[in-house]
Amino acid sequence: MDIRAKASIQSPRRPDTLAVHSLDRFVFSVPDLGQAEHFYEAFGLHTRRVGSRLDLYAHGHPHCWGSVHANGQPKRLQYLSFGAYEDDFDALAKRARAAGACDPHPLSDGKGIWLRDPDGTPVQVIAAPKVSPSVKAQPAVALPVAPGKGAAPSRSSAPRARPRRLSHVLLFTPDVPRQLAFYADVLGLRLSDRSGDIIAFMHAPHAGEHHLVAFAKSGAPGLHHSSWDVGSIDDIGLGAEHVRTQGYVKGWGVGRHVLGSNYFYYVQDPWGSWAEYSFDIDFVPVDVDWPAADHPPEDSFYVWGPAPPDDFVVNREQPVPA
């Protein structure tokens, strides 16, 4: 049985725990939709235009993981949407109203309950099927190699890297602890790991990966990167090589993170933020209490790999208006 289908059937639930189960979608805006379409197609996603919106799909998965809107303005995170089990929705909506509900975002479908996080970013909570993984993702099956044959394909026949799903997003924030408190108290997410007030990672308690959302300290809010699961380290290398041939030559990797343990390559998008190929990230089963810890900066970034670009943590989004 396909892992995604099996995960959907299991619908794991941590007893006596009220929380969202998935990051359902991330939404941002850019000056030019053509740039976004070219970038994400080169990255290996499937894109669909709907008016002035570009929807992002992973290979072989029907879910829309992200939407990009064109408005002629600098790139900006618009909102995040989280999914919850239907029988948890009313209780989560009550929490949201107590925290200060707001009107639906004008670019959204208007469904669910809406509120703003402490940075002012709109957050949608909807009753929806679980799309985060319910079991640890398995590596892609490698084709057998006949005796006397080389295992590597020729460069001209090498396959494309095709992300299987969205893994997580990392957001800039002026106040990491404040964001942690909000996403824990209102949405029920749990701390996985942190490094002081510099960076922190949160997971959903109903089984999921080491983080579905993370926060990095900056002078203003913004979207730092979206991360996409692939099936092997070779897929990371194939993806990195393909985007370079398509003109996206600035990146970071291949390397391995400490917190989350995943192998990575980041490619810089046309707006100065990043998209990550990720493989083999840590998984938190529904019956496991992850031992969250506060790590020194030198043990919170990466184990091995090239030095990151000087502007890797530069926030290029516009400050939220007062």
C-alpha atoms as a PDB file:
ATOM      1  CA  MET A   1       0.000   0.000   0.000  1.00  0.00           C
ATOM      2  CA  ASP A   2       1.238   3.502  -0.796  1.00  0.00           C
ATOM      3  CA  ILE A   3       2.557   5.232   2.352  1.00  0.00           C
ATOM      4  CA  ARG A   4       0.338   8.277   1.809  1.00  0.00           C
ATOM      5  CA  ALA A   5      -2.781   6.109   1.550  1.00  0.00           C
ATOM      6  CA  LYS A   6      -1.767   4.098   4.621  1.00  0.00           C
ATOM      7  CA  ALA A   7      -1.152   7.278   6.611  1.00  0.00           C
ATOM      8  CA  SER A   8      -4.568   8.619   5.620  1.00  0.00           C
ATOM      9  CA  ILE A   9      -6.309   5.435   6.779  1.00  0.00           C
ATOM     10  CA  GLN A  10      -4.513   5.330  10.137  1.00  0.00           C
ATOM     11  CA  SER A  11      -5.314   8.939  11.085  1.00  0.00           C
ATOM     12  CA  PRO A  12      -3.200   8.772  14.240  1.00  0.00           C
ATOM     13  CA  ARG A  13      -4.362  10.755  17.227  1.00  0.00           C
ATOM     14  CA  ARG A  14      -2.522  11.479  20.446  1.00  0.00           C
ATOM     15  CA  PRO A  15      -4.980  10.905  23.324  1.00  0.00           C
ATOM     16  CA  ASP A  16      -6.339  13.918  25.175  1.00  0.00           C
ATOM     17  CA  THR A  17      -4.455  16.332  22.921  1.00  0.00           C
ATOM     18  CA  LEU A  18      -6.071  19.244  21.116  1.00  0.00           C
ATOM     19  CA  ALA A  19      -3.917  20.349  18.195  1.00  0.00           C
ATOM     20  CA  VAL A  20      -3.778  20.806  14.452  1.00  0.00           C
ATOM     21  CA  HIS A  21      -2.339  17.848  12.559  1.00  0.00           C
ATOM     22  CA  SER A  22      -0.930  19.379   9.359  1.00  0.00           C
ATOM     23  CA  LEU A  23       0.368  22.452   7.645  1.00  0.00           C
ATOM     24  CA  ASP A  24      -2.250  22.445   4.924  1.00  0.00           C
ATOM     25  CA  ARG A  25      -0.958  25.305   2.735  1.00  0.00           C
ATOM     26  CA  PHE A  26       1.343  28.309   2.696  1.00  0.00           C
ATOM     27  CA  VAL A  27       0.447  31.361   0.629  1.00  0.00           C
ATOM     28  CA  PHE A  28       2.599  34.273  -0.488  1.00  0.00           C
ATOM     29  CA  SER A  29       2.655  36.957  -3.150  1.00  0.00           C
ATOM     30  CA  VAL A  30       5.293  37.993  -5.702  1.00  0.00           C
ATOM     31  CA  PRO A  31       5.647  40.681  -8.360  1.00  0.00           C
ATOM     32  CA  ASP A  32       5.473  38.370 -11.401  1.00  0.00           C
ATOM     33  CA  LEU A  33       3.713  35.018 -11.656  1.00  0.00           C
ATOM     34  CA  GLY A  34       5.775  34.004 -14.695  1.00  0.00           C
ATOM     35  CA  GLN A  35       8.925  34.022 -12.577  1.00  0.00           C
ATOM     36  CA  ALA A  36       7.238  31.846  -9.967  1.00  0.00           C
ATOM     37  CA  GLU A  37       6.008  29.370 -12.563  1.00  0.00           C
ATOM     38  CA  HIS A  38       9.469  29.000 -14.109  1.00  0.00           C
ATOM     39  CA  PHE A  39      11.183  28.617 -10.741  1.00  0.00           C
ATOM     40  CA  TYR A  40       8.871  26.008  -9.246  1.00  0.00           C
ATOM     41  CA  GLU A  41       8.670  23.987 -12.461  1.00  0.00           C
ATOM     42  CA  ALA A  42      12.481  23.961 -12.550  1.00  0.00           C
ATOM     43  CA  PHE A  43      12.453  22.889  -8.890  1.00  0.00           C
ATOM     44  CA  GLY A  44      10.369  19.862  -9.832  1.00  0.00           C
ATOM     45  CA  LEU A  45       6.865  20.798  -8.704  1.00  0.00           C
ATOM     46  CA  HIS A  46       3.706  20.757 -10.799  1.00  0.00           C
ATOM     47  CA  THR A  47       2.098  24.180 -11.125  1.00  0.00           C
ATOM     48  CA  ARG A  48      -1.423  25.199 -12.096  1.00  0.00           C
ATOM     49  CA  ARG A  49      -2.500  28.724 -12.961  1.00  0.00           C
ATOM     50  CA  VAL A  50      -5.828  29.893 -11.610  1.00  0.00           C
ATOM     51  CA  GLY A  51      -6.304  33.513 -12.685  1.00  0.00           C
ATOM     52  CA  SER A  52      -3.564  35.537 -10.968  1.00  0.00           C
ATOM     53  CA  ARG A  53      -2.702  32.618  -8.675  1.00  0.00           C
ATOM     54  CA  LEU A  54      -0.239  29.770  -9.112  1.00  0.00           C
ATOM     55  CA  ASP A  55      -0.944  26.586  -7.145  1.00  0.00           C
ATOM     56  CA  LEU A  56       1.884  24.229  -6.202  1.00  0.00           C
ATOM     57  CA  TYR A  57       1.566  20.430  -6.315  1.00  0.00           C
ATOM     58  CA  ALA A  58       4.049  17.659  -5.592  1.00  0.00           C
ATOM     59  CA  HIS A  59       4.637  14.672  -7.848  1.00  0.00           C
ATOM     60  CA  GLY A  60       1.901  12.035  -7.546  1.00  0.00           C
ATOM     61  CA  HIS A  61       0.031  13.833  -4.764  1.00  0.00           C
ATOM     62  CA  PRO A  62      -3.373  15.518  -5.289  1.00  0.00           C
ATOM     63  CA  HIS A  63      -3.023  18.064  -2.495  1.00  0.00           C
ATOM     64  CA  CYS A  64      -2.279  21.728  -3.186  1.00  0.00           C
ATOM     65  CA  TRP A  65       0.579  22.603  -0.835  1.00  0.00           C
ATOM     66  CA  GLY A  66       1.065  26.252  -1.667  1.00  0.00           C
ATOM     67  CA  SER A  67      -0.308  29.179  -3.615  1.00  0.00           C
ATOM     68  CA  VAL A  68       1.545  32.116  -5.111  1.00  0.00           C
ATOM     69  CA  HIS A  69      -0.309  35.312  -6.003  1.00  0.00           C
ATOM     70  CA  ALA A  70       0.921  38.077  -8.305  1.00  0.00           C
ATOM     71  CA  ASN A  71       0.362  41.684  -7.216  1.00  0.00           C
ATOM     72  CA  GLY A  72       3.317  43.643  -8.617  1.00  0.00           C
ATOM     73  CA  GLN A  73       4.701  44.171  -5.105  1.00  0.00           C
ATOM     74  CA  PRO A  74       7.805  42.713  -3.405  1.00  0.00           C
ATOM     75  CA  LYS A  75       7.492  39.134  -2.218  1.00  0.00           C
ATOM     76  CA  ARG A  76       5.520  38.739   0.989  1.00  0.00           C
ATOM     77  CA  LEU A  77       4.089  35.937   3.084  1.00  0.00           C
ATOM     78  CA  GLN A  78       0.294  36.277   3.085  1.00  0.00           C
ATOM     79  CA  TYR A  79      -0.985  33.507   5.361  1.00  0.00           C
ATOM     80  CA  LEU A  80      -0.615  29.956   6.644  1.00  0.00           C
ATOM     81  CA  SER A  81      -3.360  27.353   6.707  1.00  0.00           C
ATOM     82  CA  PHE A  82      -3.406  24.465   9.193  1.00  0.00           C
ATOM     83  CA  GLY A  83      -5.584  21.361   9.103  1.00  0.00           C
ATOM     84  CA  ALA A  84      -7.338  19.795  12.108  1.00  0.00           C
ATOM     85  CA  TYR A  85      -9.467  16.733  12.650  1.00  0.00           C
ATOM     86  CA  GLU A  86     -13.142  17.547  12.167  1.00  0.00           C
ATOM     87  CA  ASP A  87     -14.110  16.621  15.714  1.00  0.00           C
ATOM     88  CA  ASP A  88     -11.387  18.913  17.094  1.00  0.00           C
ATOM     89  CA  PHE A  89     -12.344  21.917  15.010  1.00  0.00           C
ATOM     90  CA  ASP A  90     -14.946  23.493  17.305  1.00  0.00           C
ATOM     91  CA  ALA A  91     -12.636  23.375  20.316  1.00  0.00           C
ATOM     92  CA  LEU A  92      -9.770  24.836  18.302  1.00  0.00           C
ATOM     93  CA  ALA A  93     -12.083  27.531  16.963  1.00  0.00           C
ATOM     94  CA  LYS A  94     -13.033  28.410  20.535  1.00  0.00           C
ATOM     95  CA  ARG A  95      -9.338  28.779  21.379  1.00  0.00           C
ATOM     96  CA  ALA A  96      -8.812  30.935  18.307  1.00  0.00           C
ATOM     97  CA  ARG A  97     -11.685  33.241  19.197  1.00  0.00           C
ATOM     98  CA  ALA A  98     -10.307  33.631  22.706  1.00  0.00           C
ATOM     99  CA  ALA A  99      -6.933  34.567  21.209  1.00  0.00           C
ATOM    100  CA  GLY A 100      -8.572  37.131  18.931  1.00  0.00           C
ATOM    101  CA  ALA A 101     -10.208  35.935  15.741  1.00  0.00           C
ATOM    102  CA  CYS A 102      -9.990  38.070  12.611  1.00  0.00           C
ATOM    103  CA  ASP A 103     -11.650  38.271   9.211  1.00  0.00           C
ATOM    104  CA  PRO A 104     -10.621  35.780   6.519  1.00  0.00           C
ATOM    105  CA  HIS A 105      -7.712  36.790   4.326  1.00  0.00           C
ATOM    106  CA  PRO A 106      -9.013  38.376   1.083  1.00  0.00           C
ATOM    107  CA  LEU A 107      -6.915  35.948  -1.025  1.00  0.00           C
ATOM    108  CA  SER A 108      -8.356  32.889   0.724  1.00  0.00           C
ATOM    109  CA  ASP A 109     -11.458  30.748   0.286  1.00  0.00           C
ATOM    110  CA  GLY A 110     -12.799  32.231   3.545  1.00  0.00           C
ATOM    111  CA  LYS A 111     -13.290  28.850   5.206  1.00  0.00           C
ATOM    112  CA  GLY A 112     -12.504  27.896   8.783  1.00  0.00           C
ATOM    113  CA  ILE A 113     -11.509  30.141  11.638  1.00  0.00           C
ATOM    114  CA  TRP A 114      -9.003  32.988  11.264  1.00  0.00           C
ATOM    115  CA  LEU A 115      -6.669  34.787  13.628  1.00  0.00           C
ATOM    116  CA  ARG A 116      -3.308  36.544  13.532  1.00  0.00           C
ATOM    117  CA  ASP A 117      -0.133  35.310  15.126  1.00  0.00           C
ATOM    118  CA  PRO A 118       1.886  37.774  17.254  1.00  0.00           C
ATOM    119  CA  ASP A 119       3.770  38.968  14.144  1.00  0.00           C
ATOM    120  CA  GLY A 120       0.488  39.833  12.422  1.00  0.00           C
ATOM    121  CA  THR A 121       0.561  36.929   9.956  1.00  0.00           C
ATOM    122  CA  PRO A 122      -2.969  35.623   9.273  1.00  0.00           C
ATOM    123  CA  VAL A 123      -3.486  31.986  10.275  1.00  0.00           C
ATOM    124  CA  GLN A 124      -6.339  29.826   9.005  1.00  0.00           C
ATOM    125  CA  VAL A 125      -7.507  26.663  10.759  1.00  0.00           C
ATOM    126  CA  ILE A 126      -9.746  24.306   8.792  1.00  0.00           C
ATOM    127  CA  ALA A 127     -11.246  20.872   9.300  1.00  0.00           C
ATOM    128  CA  ALA A 128      -9.385  18.778   6.744  1.00  0.00           C
ATOM    129  CA  PRO A 129      -7.844  15.347   6.126  1.00  0.00           C
ATOM    130  CA  LYS A 130      -4.376  14.814   7.558  1.00  0.00           C
ATOM    131  CA  VAL A 131      -1.780  15.499   4.863  1.00  0.00           C
ATOM    132  CA  SER A 132       1.294  15.459   7.086  1.00  0.00           C
ATOM    133  CA  PRO A 133       2.991  12.033   7.189  1.00  0.00           C
ATOM    134  CA  SER A 134       1.700   9.572   9.766  1.00  0.00           C
ATOM    135  CA  VAL A 135       4.698   7.255   9.433  1.00  0.00           C
ATOM    136  CA  LYS A 136       8.299   8.041   8.597  1.00  0.00           C
ATOM    137  CA  ALA A 137       8.754   8.532   4.868  1.00  0.00           C
ATOM    138  CA  GLN A 138      10.660   5.709   3.224  1.00  0.00           C
ATOM    139  CA  PRO A 139      13.469   6.184   0.695  1.00  0.00           C
ATOM    140  CA  ALA A 140      12.578   5.815  -2.949  1.00  0.00           C
ATOM    141  CA  VAL A 141      13.079   2.268  -4.207  1.00  0.00           C
ATOM    142  CA  ALA A 142      16.304   2.018  -6.180  1.00  0.00           C
ATOM    143  CA  LEU A 143      16.195   0.014  -9.375  1.00  0.00           C
ATOM    144  CA  PRO A 144      18.388  -3.110  -9.342  1.00  0.00           C
ATOM    145  CA  VAL A 145      21.683  -2.866 -11.178  1.00  0.00           C
ATOM    146  CA  ALA A 146      22.630  -5.722 -13.458  1.00  0.00           C
ATOM    147  CA  PRO A 147      26.048  -7.291 -12.873  1.00  0.00           C
ATOM    148  CA  GLY A 148      28.708  -5.577 -14.936  1.00  0.00           C
ATOM    149  CA  LYS A 149      26.679  -2.375 -15.308  1.00  0.00           C
ATOM    150  CA  GLY A 150      27.317   1.000 -13.715  1.00  0.00           C
ATOM    151  CA  ALA A 151      24.758   2.155 -11.160  1.00  0.00           C
ATOM    152  CA  ALA A 152      24.802   5.833 -12.181  1.00  0.00           C
ATOM    153  CA  PRO A 153      22.771   7.011 -15.178  1.00  0.00           C
ATOM    154  CA  SER A 154      24.367   8.997 -17.937  1.00  0.00           C
ATOM    155  CA  ARG A 155      24.077  12.731 -17.476  1.00  0.00           C
ATOM    156  CA  SER A 156      21.822  13.055 -20.514  1.00  0.00           C
ATOM    157  CA  SER A 157      19.405  10.413 -19.244  1.00  0.00           C
ATOM    158  CA  ALA A 158      19.396  11.290 -15.544  1.00  0.00           C
ATOM    159  CA  PRO A 159      15.843  11.565 -14.146  1.00  0.00           C
ATOM    160  CA  ARG A 160      14.361  14.744 -12.695  1.00  0.00           C
ATOM    161  CA  ALA A 161      14.058  15.171  -8.951  1.00  0.00           C
ATOM    162  CA  ARG A 162      10.362  15.304  -8.098  1.00  0.00           C
ATOM    163  CA  PRO A 163       9.411  16.384  -4.553  1.00  0.00           C
ATOM    164  CA  ARG A 164       6.840  14.103  -2.942  1.00  0.00           C
ATOM    165  CA  ARG A 165       5.207  16.666  -0.625  1.00  0.00           C
ATOM    166  CA  LEU A 166       5.741  19.802   1.412  1.00  0.00           C
ATOM    167  CA  SER A 167       7.766  19.097   4.542  1.00  0.00           C
ATOM    168  CA  HIS A 168       7.773  22.428   6.394  1.00  0.00           C
ATOM    169  CA  VAL A 169       8.200  26.186   6.230  1.00  0.00           C
ATOM    170  CA  LEU A 170      10.576  28.401   8.189  1.00  0.00           C
ATOM    171  CA  LEU A 171       9.429  31.901   9.082  1.00  0.00           C
ATOM    172  CA  PHE A 172      11.382  34.958  10.111  1.00  0.00           C
ATOM    173  CA  THR A 173      10.209  36.608  13.310  1.00  0.00           C
ATOM    174  CA  PRO A 174      11.397  39.434  15.568  1.00  0.00           C
ATOM    175  CA  ASP A 175      10.493  37.337  18.649  1.00  0.00           C
ATOM    176  CA  VAL A 176      11.010  33.560  18.529  1.00  0.00           C
ATOM    177  CA  PRO A 177       9.759  32.805  22.097  1.00  0.00           C
ATOM    178  CA  ARG A 178       6.578  34.793  21.489  1.00  0.00           C
ATOM    179  CA  GLN A 179       5.840  32.793  18.333  1.00  0.00           C
ATOM    180  CA  LEU A 180       6.516  29.519  20.142  1.00  0.00           C
ATOM    181  CA  ALA A 181       4.013  30.412  22.859  1.00  0.00           C
ATOM    182  CA  PHE A 182       1.301  31.298  20.343  1.00  0.00           C
ATOM    183  CA  TYR A 183       1.658  28.219  18.146  1.00  0.00           C
ATOM    184  CA  ALA A 184       1.769  25.975  21.224  1.00  0.00           C
ATOM    185  CA  ASP A 185      -1.062  27.573  23.197  1.00  0.00           C
ATOM    186  CA  VAL A 186      -3.470  28.152  20.306  1.00  0.00           C
ATOM    187  CA  LEU A 187      -2.634  25.494  17.704  1.00  0.00           C
ATOM    188  CA  GLY A 188      -1.244  22.831  20.034  1.00  0.00           C
ATOM    189  CA  LEU A 189       2.119  22.437  18.310  1.00  0.00           C
ATOM    190  CA  ARG A 190       5.055  21.209  20.383  1.00  0.00           C
ATOM    191  CA  LEU A 191       8.644  22.334  20.607  1.00  0.00           C
ATOM    192  CA  SER A 192      11.090  19.935  19.013  1.00  0.00           C
ATOM    193  CA  ASP A 193      14.379  21.799  19.457  1.00  0.00           C
ATOM    194  CA  ARG A 194      15.690  25.338  19.728  1.00  0.00           C
ATOM    195  CA  SER A 195      18.831  27.420  20.029  1.00  0.00           C
ATOM    196  CA  GLY A 196      18.056  30.165  22.522  1.00  0.00           C
ATOM    197  CA  ASP A 197      15.980  32.891  20.935  1.00  0.00           C
ATOM    198  CA  ILE A 198      17.695  32.460  17.544  1.00  0.00           C
ATOM    199  CA  ILE A 199      15.835  29.531  16.000  1.00  0.00           C
ATOM    200  CA  ALA A 200      13.203  26.990  17.030  1.00  0.00           C
ATOM    201  CA  PHE A 201      11.367  24.027  15.490  1.00  0.00           C
ATOM    202  CA  MET A 202       7.836  22.752  16.204  1.00  0.00           C
ATOM    203  CA  HIS A 203       6.008  19.514  15.387  1.00  0.00           C
ATOM    204  CA  ALA A 204       2.384  18.422  15.436  1.00  0.00           C
ATOM    205  CA  PRO A 205       1.623  15.916  18.238  1.00  0.00           C
ATOM    206  CA  HIS A 206      -0.637  13.643  16.147  1.00  0.00           C
ATOM    207  CA  ALA A 207       2.461  12.066  14.513  1.00  0.00           C
ATOM    208  CA  GLY A 208       4.634  14.034  12.158  1.00  0.00           C
ATOM    209  CA  GLU A 209       8.095  15.111  11.208  1.00  0.00           C
ATOM    210  CA  HIS A 210      10.559  16.932  13.454  1.00  0.00           C
ATOM    211  CA  HIS A 211       9.096  20.224  12.340  1.00  0.00           C
ATOM    212  CA  LEU A 212       6.258  21.458  10.184  1.00  0.00           C
ATOM    213  CA  VAL A 213       6.989  25.061  11.081  1.00  0.00           C
ATOM    214  CA  ALA A 214      10.143  26.751  12.342  1.00  0.00           C
ATOM    215  CA  PHE A 215      11.105  30.276  13.371  1.00  0.00           C
ATOM    216  CA  ALA A 216      14.337  32.216  12.889  1.00  0.00           C
ATOM    217  CA  LYS A 217      15.120  35.574  14.487  1.00  0.00           C
ATOM    218  CA  SER A 218      15.013  38.612  12.206  1.00  0.00           C
ATOM    219  CA  GLY A 219      14.055  42.271  12.329  1.00  0.00           C
ATOM    220  CA  ALA A 220      10.682  41.606  10.674  1.00  0.00           C
ATOM    221  CA  PRO A 221       8.352  38.729   9.779  1.00  0.00           C
ATOM    222  CA  GLY A 222       8.699  36.884   6.490  1.00  0.00           C
ATOM    223  CA  LEU A 223       9.042  33.555   4.710  1.00  0.00           C
ATOM    224  CA  HIS A 224      12.616  32.243   4.753  1.00  0.00           C
ATOM    225  CA  HIS A 225      12.044  28.935   2.936  1.00  0.00           C
ATOM    226  CA  SER A 226       9.692  26.153   2.036  1.00  0.00           C
ATOM    227  CA  SER A 227      11.069  22.618   2.327  1.00  0.00           C
ATOM    228  CA  TRP A 228      10.075  19.696   0.095  1.00  0.00           C
ATOM    229  CA  ASP A 229      10.573  15.992   0.738  1.00  0.00           C
ATOM    230  CA  VAL A 230      12.425  13.915  -1.866  1.00  0.00           C
ATOM    231  CA  GLY A 231      13.194  10.207  -1.923  1.00  0.00           C
ATOM    232  CA  SER A 232      16.992  10.051  -1.740  1.00  0.00           C
ATOM    233  CA  ILE A 233      20.244  11.950  -1.407  1.00  0.00           C
ATOM    234  CA  ASP A 234      20.679  11.376  -5.122  1.00  0.00           C
ATOM    235  CA  ASP A 235      17.405  13.239  -5.707  1.00  0.00           C
ATOM    236  CA  ILE A 236      18.857  16.176  -3.780  1.00  0.00           C
ATOM    237  CA  GLY A 237      21.882  16.194  -6.064  1.00  0.00           C
ATOM    238  CA  LEU A 238      19.776  15.773  -9.196  1.00  0.00           C
ATOM    239  CA  GLY A 239      17.536  18.636  -8.146  1.00  0.00           C
ATOM    240  CA  ALA A 240      20.469  20.893  -7.359  1.00  0.00           C
ATOM    241  CA  GLU A 241      22.050  20.179 -10.721  1.00  0.00           C
ATOM    242  CA  HIS A 242      18.849  20.731 -12.690  1.00  0.00           C
ATOM    243  CA  VAL A 243      18.023  24.098 -11.121  1.00  0.00           C
ATOM    244  CA  ARG A 244      21.566  25.242 -11.895  1.00  0.00           C
ATOM    245  CA  THR A 245      21.034  24.390 -15.567  1.00  0.00           C
ATOM    246  CA  GLN A 246      17.852  26.483 -15.456  1.00  0.00           C
ATOM    247  CA  GLY A 247      19.687  29.572 -14.254  1.00  0.00           C
ATOM    248  CA  TYR A 248      19.225  29.254 -10.484  1.00  0.00           C
ATOM    249  CA  VAL A 249      22.900  29.010  -9.658  1.00  0.00           C
ATOM    250  CA  LYS A 250      22.908  30.259  -6.071  1.00  0.00           C
ATOM    251  CA  GLY A 251      22.316  27.648  -3.414  1.00  0.00           C
ATOM    252  CA  TRP A 252      23.580  25.975  -0.278  1.00  0.00           C
ATOM    253  CA  GLY A 253      24.455  22.307   0.090  1.00  0.00           C
ATOM    254  CA  VAL A 254      24.558  19.429  -0.278  1.00  0.00           C
ATOM    255  CA  GLY A 255      24.785  19.049   3.498  1.00  0.00           C
ATOM    256  CA  ARG A 256      23.153  17.566   6.580  1.00  0.00           C
ATOM    257  CA  HIS A 257      21.350  19.441   9.318  1.00  0.00           C
ATOM    258  CA  VAL A 258      21.784  18.744  13.022  1.00  0.00           C
ATOM    259  CA  LEU A 259      18.260  19.523  14.234  1.00  0.00           C
ATOM    260  CA  GLY A 260      15.933  17.391  12.146  1.00  0.00           C
ATOM    261  CA  SER A 261      18.879  15.385  10.772  1.00  0.00           C
ATOM    262  CA  ASN A 262      17.760  15.809   7.156  1.00  0.00           C
ATOM    263  CA  TYR A 263      20.048  16.036   4.159  1.00  0.00           C
ATOM    264  CA  PHE A 264      19.511  19.246   2.202  1.00  0.00           C
ATOM    265  CA  TYR A 265      20.122  21.518  -0.712  1.00  0.00           C
ATOM    266  CA  TYR A 266      18.666  25.035  -0.800  1.00  0.00           C
ATOM    267  CA  VAL A 267      18.188  26.961  -4.015  1.00  0.00           C
ATOM    268  CA  GLN A 268      17.609  30.706  -3.925  1.00  0.00           C
ATOM    269  CA  ASP A 269      14.396  31.806  -5.591  1.00  0.00           C
ATOM    270  CA  PRO A 270      13.959  34.977  -7.701  1.00  0.00           C
ATOM    271  CA  TRP A 271      12.927  36.985  -4.610  1.00  0.00           C
ATOM    272  CA  GLY A 272      15.895  36.217  -2.369  1.00  0.00           C
ATOM    273  CA  SER A 273      14.263  33.498  -0.269  1.00  0.00           C
ATOM    274  CA  TRP A 274      14.838  29.750  -0.609  1.00  0.00           C
ATOM    275  CA  ALA A 275      13.332  26.378  -1.515  1.00  0.00           C
ATOM    276  CA  GLU A 276      14.839  23.261   0.052  1.00  0.00           C
ATOM    277  CA  TYR A 277      15.157  19.696  -1.162  1.00  0.00           C
ATOM    278  CA  SER A 278      14.992  17.597   2.022  1.00  0.00           C
ATOM    279  CA  PHE A 279      15.562  13.886   2.603  1.00  0.00           C
ATOM    280  CA  ASP A 280      15.298  11.676   5.694  1.00  0.00           C
ATOM    281  CA  ILE A 281      14.141  14.153   8.322  1.00  0.00           C
ATOM    282  CA  ASP A 282      13.529  12.903  11.866  1.00  0.00           C
ATOM    283  CA  PHE A 283      10.028  11.637  12.644  1.00  0.00           C
ATOM    284  CA  VAL A 284       8.003  11.938  15.881  1.00  0.00           C
ATOM    285  CA  PRO A 285       5.523   9.030  16.298  1.00  0.00           C
ATOM    286  CA  VAL A 286       2.199   9.708  17.958  1.00  0.00           C
ATOM    287  CA  ASP A 287       3.218   7.871  21.157  1.00  0.00           C
ATOM    288  CA  VAL A 288       6.658   9.476  21.566  1.00  0.00           C
ATOM    289  CA  ASP A 289       7.517  12.563  23.618  1.00  0.00           C
ATOM    290  CA  TRP A 290      10.312  14.190  21.650  1.00  0.00           C
ATOM    291  CA  PRO A 291      13.110  15.283  24.039  1.00  0.00           C
ATOM    292  CA  ALA A 292      13.135  18.977  23.167  1.00  0.00           C
ATOM    293  CA  ALA A 293      16.401  20.693  24.030  1.00  0.00           C
ATOM    294  CA  ASP A 294      18.113  24.070  23.832  1.00  0.00           C
ATOM    295  CA  HIS A 295      21.246  23.667  21.714  1.00  0.00           C
ATOM    296  CA  PRO A 296      24.295  25.934  21.388  1.00  0.00           C
ATOM    297  CA  PRO A 297      24.410  27.745  18.028  1.00  0.00           C
ATOM    298  CA  GLU A 298      27.329  25.671  16.745  1.00  0.00           C
ATOM    299  CA  ASP A 299      25.277  22.497  17.258  1.00  0.00           C
ATOM    300  CA  SER A 300      22.022  23.747  15.786  1.00  0.00           C
ATOM    301  CA  PHE A 301      22.753  24.398  12.120  1.00  0.00           C
ATOM    302  CA  TYR A 302      24.529  21.724  10.091  1.00  0.00           C
ATOM    303  CA  VAL A 303      26.811  18.733  10.624  1.00  0.00           C
ATOM    304  CA  TRP A 304      28.613  18.867   7.300  1.00  0.00           C
ATOM    305  CA  GLY A 305      28.446  20.714   4.006  1.00  0.00           C
ATOM    306  CA  PRO A 306      29.800  23.919   2.501  1.00  0.00           C
ATOM    307  CA  ALA A 307      29.578  27.190   4.371  1.00  0.00           C
ATOM    308  CA  PRO A 308      26.190  28.875   3.832  1.00  0.00           C
ATOM    309  CA  PRO A 309      25.994  32.000   1.645  1.00  0.00           C
ATOM    310  CA  ASP A 310      26.526  35.262   3.494  1.00  0.00           C
ATOM    311  CA  ASP A 311      22.920  36.287   2.864  1.00  0.00           C
ATOM    312  CA  PHE A 312      21.323  32.964   3.806  1.00  0.00           C
ATOM    313  CA  VAL A 313      19.473  34.474   6.759  1.00  0.00           C
ATOM    314  CA  VAL A 314      18.789  37.895   5.262  1.00  0.00           C
ATOM    315  CA  ASN A 315      15.089  38.776   5.355  1.00  0.00           C
ATOM    316  CA  ARG A 316      14.165  40.489   2.100  1.00  0.00           C
ATOM    317  CA  GLU A 317      10.466  40.948   2.840  1.00  0.00           C
ATOM    318  CA  GLN A 318       8.913  44.267   3.614  1.00  0.00           C
ATOM    319  CA  PRO A 319       8.107  45.018   7.281  1.00  0.00           C
ATOM    320  CA  VAL A 320       4.483  44.596   8.245  1.00  0.00           C
ATOM    321  CA  PRO A 321       2.767  48.031   8.207  1.00  0.00           C
ATOM    322  CA  ALA A 322       1.958  49.458  11.618  1.00  0.00           C
END
